[in-house]
């Protein structure tokens, strides 16, 4: 994938996660009521160290503590480092995450999500300490917000090589694929899972067993939230180099044509790339002739002109 497009995707994904965290942060603010004390929102590194020591001694975190920590972590990585340098503080957050109080569970997961904005060594520690709990909450949590916040945290951790390797050892791809391709009402979870899988495909994280799972998991509707990531995952994962059965090839071609009709840039870009690679490998479907009609009736972005021509050359070599 070319660098400008990669940067565009990463920037969009980061902004999306920041906006969602701010939304949840506002929810925590409402849960606490209108906070009048400005000191709650103006913390120094010394304050964070003191607060970390206090929750360690108490072996518990109040909602006000969660609010203060989240506010501090959003100010910069130096506040994250100050907290993580207090031995035993992270274990108190783990205790709250795995406890029976659902409000504290969610608040703890949100705090861990903001911690996962830290430097690579911090992310590696988080993956080791709470990774297994986050992965478990993907398919066992009855609280949608907890599942989604766990997904946000996982997305951040997947950006870092060491923490990504730790999560991959926990069969994270299988769980993400189940969420991404299952037809159910939690559309936000599907989009989060698609984003996480997109990160993994970008870093060439799919092994042979993962590709077998991917070939058996299909996204039925190219218009659902998160569908924009599907063909990107297909293209980058390496699955197109596999010996695909004809039914999956037919599915990919039809899905790609639907994405071209959609005219959303990310979908069209990877639809053209998937089609071009399939045609280059001599793979076609009985309905492949529709591609000409689709292209004639769609407005293709000018920057994709060369790729469209390459894809068409490969198509004409088949007929």
Protein backbone atom coordinates (compact mmCIF):
# COMPACT_ATOMS: atom_id res chain seq x y z
CA UNK A 1 0.00 0.00 0.00
CA UNK A 2 1.36 3.44 -0.86
CA UNK A 3 2.52 5.64 2.00
CA UNK A 4 0.00 8.54 1.62
CA UNK A 5 -2.95 6.15 1.77
CA UNK A 6 -1.47 4.32 4.75
CA UNK A 7 -1.00 7.59 6.61
CA UNK A 8 -4.54 8.65 5.73
CA UNK A 9 -5.95 5.43 7.15
CA UNK A 10 -3.86 5.60 10.31
CA UNK A 11 -4.79 9.24 10.92
CA UNK A 12 -8.48 8.54 10.41
CA UNK A 13 -8.35 5.52 12.73
CA UNK A 14 -6.53 7.46 15.45
CA UNK A 15 -9.00 10.36 15.26
CA UNK A 16 -11.87 7.88 15.42
CA UNK A 17 -10.50 6.26 18.58
CA UNK A 18 -9.79 9.64 20.19
CA UNK A 19 -13.37 10.78 19.54
CA UNK A 20 -14.80 7.60 21.03
CA UNK A 21 -12.65 7.86 24.14
CA UNK A 22 -13.73 11.48 24.61
CA UNK A 23 -17.36 10.36 24.34
CA UNK A 24 -16.89 7.74 27.04
CA UNK A 25 -14.91 10.21 29.11
CA UNK A 26 -17.87 12.63 28.99
CA UNK A 27 -20.08 9.75 30.14
CA UNK A 28 -17.87 9.25 33.17
CA UNK A 29 -18.07 12.97 33.88
CA UNK A 30 -21.88 12.76 33.88
CA UNK A 31 -21.81 9.74 36.17
CA UNK A 32 -19.82 11.78 38.68
CA UNK A 33 -22.09 14.81 38.34
CA UNK A 34 -20.89 18.31 37.52
CA UNK A 35 -17.42 18.56 39.01
CA UNK A 36 -16.84 22.03 40.39
CA UNK A 37 -13.30 21.58 41.69
CA UNK A 38 -10.88 22.62 38.87
CA UNK A 39 -8.09 20.73 40.67
CA UNK A 40 -9.74 17.52 39.48
CA UNK A 41 -8.85 18.46 35.92
CA UNK A 42 -5.42 20.08 36.49
CA UNK A 43 -3.00 17.44 37.69
CA UNK A 44 0.78 17.38 37.84
CA UNK A 45 3.01 14.31 37.58
CA UNK A 46 3.48 14.54 41.35
CA UNK A 47 -0.31 14.39 41.77
CA UNK A 48 -0.48 11.25 39.62
CA UNK A 49 2.26 9.55 41.66
CA UNK A 50 0.47 10.47 44.87
CA UNK A 51 -2.87 9.22 43.53
CA UNK A 52 -1.29 5.95 42.34
CA UNK A 53 0.22 5.42 45.78
CA UNK A 54 -3.12 6.11 47.45
CA UNK A 55 -5.13 3.64 45.37
CA UNK A 56 -2.38 1.07 45.92
CA UNK A 57 -2.68 1.47 49.70
CA UNK A 58 -6.48 1.37 49.58
CA UNK A 59 -6.45 -1.50 47.07
CA UNK A 60 -9.38 0.16 45.31
CA UNK A 61 -10.28 3.05 42.99
CA UNK A 62 -13.16 5.48 43.36
CA UNK A 63 -14.97 6.94 40.35
CA UNK A 64 -13.39 10.27 41.14
CA UNK A 65 -9.96 8.60 41.05
CA UNK A 66 -10.77 7.12 37.64
CA UNK A 67 -11.80 10.54 36.38
CA UNK A 68 -8.60 12.16 37.59
CA UNK A 69 -6.41 9.41 36.13
CA UNK A 70 -8.12 9.56 32.75
CA UNK A 71 -7.77 13.31 32.64
CA UNK A 72 -4.07 13.03 33.47
CA UNK A 73 -3.32 10.27 30.95
CA UNK A 74 -4.86 12.33 28.16
CA UNK A 75 -2.45 15.17 28.95
CA UNK A 76 0.65 13.26 27.87
CA UNK A 77 2.82 10.17 28.13
CA UNK A 78 4.81 11.58 31.04
CA UNK A 79 1.70 11.18 33.22
CA UNK A 80 1.24 7.62 31.99
CA UNK A 81 4.87 6.82 32.81
CA UNK A 82 4.55 8.35 36.28
CA UNK A 83 1.59 6.09 37.09
CA UNK A 84 3.17 2.94 35.66
CA UNK A 85 6.37 3.56 37.64
CA UNK A 86 4.45 3.15 40.92
CA UNK A 87 4.88 -0.55 41.70
CA UNK A 88 1.57 -2.29 42.23
CA UNK A 89 -0.68 0.51 40.96
CA UNK A 90 -1.59 -1.29 37.74
CA UNK A 91 -2.61 -4.37 39.74
CA UNK A 92 -5.31 -2.30 41.46
CA UNK A 93 -6.77 -1.41 38.07
CA UNK A 94 -6.71 -5.10 37.15
CA UNK A 95 -8.57 -5.88 40.36
CA UNK A 96 -11.28 -3.38 39.44
CA UNK A 97 -11.42 -4.69 35.87
CA UNK A 98 -12.04 -8.25 37.04
CA UNK A 99 -14.34 -7.36 39.94
CA UNK A 100 -18.13 -7.66 40.16
CA UNK A 101 -18.96 -3.95 40.07
CA UNK A 102 -19.89 -3.31 36.41
CA UNK A 103 -19.46 0.47 36.74
CA UNK A 104 -15.94 0.07 38.09
CA UNK A 105 -15.18 -2.59 35.47
CA UNK A 106 -16.03 -0.17 32.68
CA UNK A 107 -14.21 2.74 34.33
CA UNK A 108 -11.12 0.57 34.78
CA UNK A 109 -11.21 -0.58 31.16
CA UNK A 110 -11.51 3.04 30.00
CA UNK A 111 -8.51 3.97 32.16
CA UNK A 112 -6.51 1.10 30.69
CA UNK A 113 -7.53 2.29 27.22
CA UNK A 114 -6.00 5.68 27.92
CA UNK A 115 -2.90 4.01 29.37
CA UNK A 116 -2.54 2.14 26.08
CA UNK A 117 -1.78 5.48 24.43
CA UNK A 118 1.62 5.25 26.11
CA UNK A 119 5.04 4.37 24.75
CA UNK A 120 5.87 0.84 23.44
CA UNK A 121 7.26 -0.46 26.78
CA UNK A 122 4.02 0.62 28.51
CA UNK A 123 1.92 -1.15 25.87
CA UNK A 124 3.98 -4.32 26.27
CA UNK A 125 3.41 -4.29 30.03
CA UNK A 126 -0.30 -3.75 29.54
CA UNK A 127 -0.57 -6.59 27.03
CA UNK A 128 1.18 -8.90 29.47
CA UNK A 129 -0.84 -7.78 32.49
CA UNK A 130 -4.37 -7.34 31.13
CA UNK A 131 -4.29 -8.76 27.60
CA UNK A 132 -5.93 -12.04 28.53
CA UNK A 133 -8.80 -10.24 30.31
CA UNK A 134 -9.38 -7.91 27.37
CA UNK A 135 -9.48 -10.84 24.94
CA UNK A 136 -11.89 -12.72 27.20
CA UNK A 137 -14.26 -9.75 27.32
CA UNK A 138 -14.52 -9.78 23.53
CA UNK A 139 -16.88 -12.73 23.50
CA UNK A 140 -18.04 -13.22 27.09
CA UNK A 141 -18.98 -9.72 28.22
CA UNK A 142 -22.71 -9.05 28.59
CA UNK A 143 -21.98 -5.31 28.76
CA UNK A 144 -21.62 -3.86 25.25
CA UNK A 145 -19.66 -0.82 26.39
CA UNK A 146 -17.13 -3.03 28.15
CA UNK A 147 -16.65 -5.11 25.02
CA UNK A 148 -16.22 -2.03 22.85
CA UNK A 149 -13.81 -0.34 25.25
CA UNK A 150 -11.79 -3.57 25.35
CA UNK A 151 -11.69 -3.43 21.55
CA UNK A 152 -10.43 0.16 21.60
CA UNK A 153 -7.66 -0.82 24.00
CA UNK A 154 -6.71 -3.81 21.88
CA UNK A 155 -6.54 -1.61 18.78
CA UNK A 156 -4.02 0.66 20.49
CA UNK A 157 -1.93 -2.29 21.69
CA UNK A 158 -1.90 -3.87 18.21
CA UNK A 159 -0.05 -0.83 16.87
CA UNK A 160 3.05 -1.85 18.89
CA UNK A 161 5.08 -4.88 17.81
CA UNK A 162 5.74 -6.50 21.20
CA UNK A 163 2.20 -6.05 22.52
CA UNK A 164 0.84 -7.21 19.16
CA UNK A 165 2.86 -10.43 19.41
CA UNK A 166 1.52 -11.04 22.92
CA UNK A 167 -2.10 -10.61 21.80
CA UNK A 168 -1.57 -12.78 18.72
CA UNK A 169 -0.45 -15.59 21.03
CA UNK A 170 -3.93 -15.38 22.60
CA UNK A 171 -5.70 -16.26 19.30
CA UNK A 172 -6.95 -12.70 18.95
CA UNK A 173 -7.56 -13.01 15.19
CA UNK A 174 -10.17 -15.75 15.59
CA UNK A 175 -12.10 -13.73 18.15
CA UNK A 176 -11.97 -10.56 16.06
CA UNK A 177 -13.16 -12.43 12.96
CA UNK A 178 -16.13 -13.81 14.87
CA UNK A 179 -17.19 -10.32 15.92
CA UNK A 180 -16.52 -8.83 12.50
CA UNK A 181 -18.45 -11.35 10.40
CA UNK A 182 -21.32 -12.16 12.75
CA UNK A 183 -24.69 -10.61 11.88
CA UNK A 184 -25.89 -8.96 15.07
CA UNK A 185 -26.99 -5.54 16.25
CA UNK A 186 -23.74 -4.30 17.78
CA UNK A 187 -22.50 -2.47 14.70
CA UNK A 188 -19.92 -0.45 16.62
CA UNK A 189 -18.25 -3.64 17.82
CA UNK A 190 -18.13 -4.91 14.24
CA UNK A 191 -16.46 -1.71 13.07
CA UNK A 192 -13.93 -1.85 15.92
CA UNK A 193 -13.11 -5.47 15.10
CA UNK A 194 -12.67 -4.56 11.43
CA UNK A 195 -10.31 -1.78 12.38
CA UNK A 196 -8.27 -4.12 14.59
CA UNK A 197 -8.05 -6.75 11.82
CA UNK A 198 -7.01 -4.02 9.41
CA UNK A 199 -4.10 -3.14 11.72
CA UNK A 200 -3.07 -6.81 11.87
CA UNK A 201 -3.21 -7.23 8.09
CA UNK A 202 -1.10 -4.11 7.67
CA UNK A 203 1.62 -5.69 9.81
CA UNK A 204 1.46 -9.06 7.99
CA UNK A 205 0.21 -10.83 11.10
CA UNK A 206 -1.98 -13.48 9.44
CA UNK A 207 -0.55 -17.00 9.58
CA UNK A 208 -1.77 -19.96 7.52
CA UNK A 209 -4.31 -21.00 10.15
CA UNK A 210 -5.64 -17.44 10.25
CA UNK A 211 -6.02 -17.38 6.47
CA UNK A 212 -8.07 -20.56 6.64
CA UNK A 213 -10.37 -18.88 9.15
CA UNK A 214 -10.58 -15.76 7.00
CA UNK A 215 -11.57 -17.80 3.94
CA UNK A 216 -14.43 -19.31 5.93
CA UNK A 217 -15.69 -15.99 7.33
CA UNK A 218 -17.62 -13.79 4.93
CA UNK A 219 -19.06 -10.34 5.35
CA UNK A 220 -22.53 -10.58 3.86
CA UNK A 221 -23.29 -6.90 3.38
CA UNK A 222 -20.71 -4.48 1.90
CA UNK A 223 -22.67 -1.54 3.31
CA UNK A 224 -22.58 -2.37 7.04
CA UNK A 225 -20.37 -0.28 9.37
CA UNK A 226 -16.80 -1.56 9.16
CA UNK A 227 -17.20 -3.08 5.70
CA UNK A 228 -14.66 -0.58 4.34
CA UNK A 229 -11.92 -2.63 6.01
CA UNK A 230 -12.85 -6.02 4.56
CA UNK A 231 -11.11 -5.85 1.18
CA UNK A 232 -8.12 -4.10 2.75
CA UNK A 233 -7.81 -7.11 5.08
CA UNK A 234 -8.21 -9.49 2.14
CA UNK A 235 -5.58 -7.67 0.08
CA UNK A 236 -2.96 -7.25 2.81
CA UNK A 237 -3.41 -10.57 4.65
CA UNK A 238 -1.88 -12.66 1.86
CA UNK A 239 -4.98 -14.78 1.32
CA UNK A 240 -5.08 -13.98 -2.41
CA UNK A 241 -1.86 -16.01 -2.80
CA UNK A 242 -3.62 -19.10 -1.47
CA UNK A 243 -5.35 -21.77 -3.54
CA UNK A 244 -8.85 -20.35 -3.10
CA UNK A 245 -11.92 -22.41 -3.96
CA UNK A 246 -14.13 -21.07 -6.73
CA UNK A 247 -17.05 -20.17 -4.47
CA UNK A 248 -14.79 -17.83 -2.45
CA UNK A 249 -13.41 -16.31 -5.67
CA UNK A 250 -16.98 -15.69 -6.90
CA UNK A 251 -17.82 -14.10 -3.56
CA UNK A 252 -14.76 -11.81 -3.61
CA UNK A 253 -15.44 -10.65 -7.17
CA UNK A 254 -19.10 -9.91 -6.46
CA UNK A 255 -18.28 -8.20 -3.17
CA UNK A 256 -15.62 -6.10 -4.91
CA UNK A 257 -18.02 -5.04 -7.66
CA UNK A 258 -20.52 -3.94 -5.02
CA UNK A 259 -17.79 -1.87 -3.37
CA UNK A 260 -16.92 -0.21 -6.67
CA UNK A 261 -20.57 0.77 -7.05
CA UNK A 262 -20.46 2.25 -3.54
CA UNK A 263 -17.83 4.76 -4.66
CA UNK A 264 -16.30 5.17 -1.17
CA UNK A 265 -12.60 5.69 -1.81
CA UNK A 266 -11.20 3.07 0.58
CA UNK A 267 -13.65 0.43 -0.68
CA UNK A 268 -13.03 1.24 -4.35
CA UNK A 269 -9.26 1.32 -3.92
CA UNK A 270 -9.03 -2.16 -2.43
CA UNK A 271 -11.79 -3.54 -4.66
CA UNK A 272 -9.66 -2.59 -7.69
CA UNK A 273 -6.57 -4.15 -6.10
CA UNK A 274 -8.35 -7.37 -5.15
CA UNK A 275 -9.91 -7.70 -8.62
CA UNK A 276 -6.62 -6.91 -10.34
CA UNK A 277 -4.77 -9.58 -8.36
CA UNK A 278 -7.45 -12.21 -8.91
CA UNK A 279 -7.47 -11.55 -12.66
CA UNK A 280 -3.64 -11.54 -12.77
CA UNK A 281 -3.68 -15.04 -11.26
CA UNK A 282 -6.18 -16.22 -13.88
CA UNK A 283 -9.10 -16.37 -11.49
CA UNK A 284 -12.51 -15.31 -12.79
CA UNK A 285 -16.20 -15.82 -12.15
CA UNK A 286 -19.09 -16.45 -14.51
CA UNK A 287 -20.25 -12.89 -13.88
CA UNK A 288 -16.90 -11.22 -14.50
CA UNK A 289 -18.21 -9.53 -17.64
CA UNK A 290 -20.24 -7.20 -15.39
CA UNK A 291 -17.07 -5.33 -14.49
CA UNK A 292 -17.21 -3.27 -17.69
CA UNK A 293 -20.79 -2.21 -17.02
CA UNK A 294 -19.94 -1.35 -13.40
CA UNK A 295 -16.96 0.80 -14.39
CA UNK A 296 -18.92 2.62 -17.09
CA UNK A 297 -21.56 3.65 -14.54
CA UNK A 298 -19.24 4.66 -11.69
CA UNK A 299 -17.05 7.66 -11.05
CA UNK A 300 -13.54 6.38 -10.26
CA UNK A 301 -11.15 8.67 -8.40
CA UNK A 302 -8.47 10.05 -10.71
CA UNK A 303 -5.64 8.86 -8.44
CA UNK A 304 -6.76 5.25 -9.07
CA UNK A 305 -6.56 5.61 -12.85
CA UNK A 306 -3.33 3.61 -13.26
CA UNK A 307 -4.53 0.81 -10.99
CA UNK A 308 -7.85 0.58 -12.83
CA UNK A 309 -6.02 0.30 -16.15
CA UNK A 310 -3.77 -2.42 -14.69
CA UNK A 311 -6.80 -4.29 -13.42
CA UNK A 312 -8.53 -4.01 -16.83
CA UNK A 313 -5.45 -5.32 -18.65
CA UNK A 314 -5.49 -8.36 -16.38
CA UNK A 315 -9.21 -8.78 -17.02
CA UNK A 316 -8.86 -8.63 -20.81
CA UNK A 317 -6.12 -11.24 -20.68
CA UNK A 318 -8.74 -13.65 -19.33
CA UNK A 319 -11.30 -13.19 -22.11
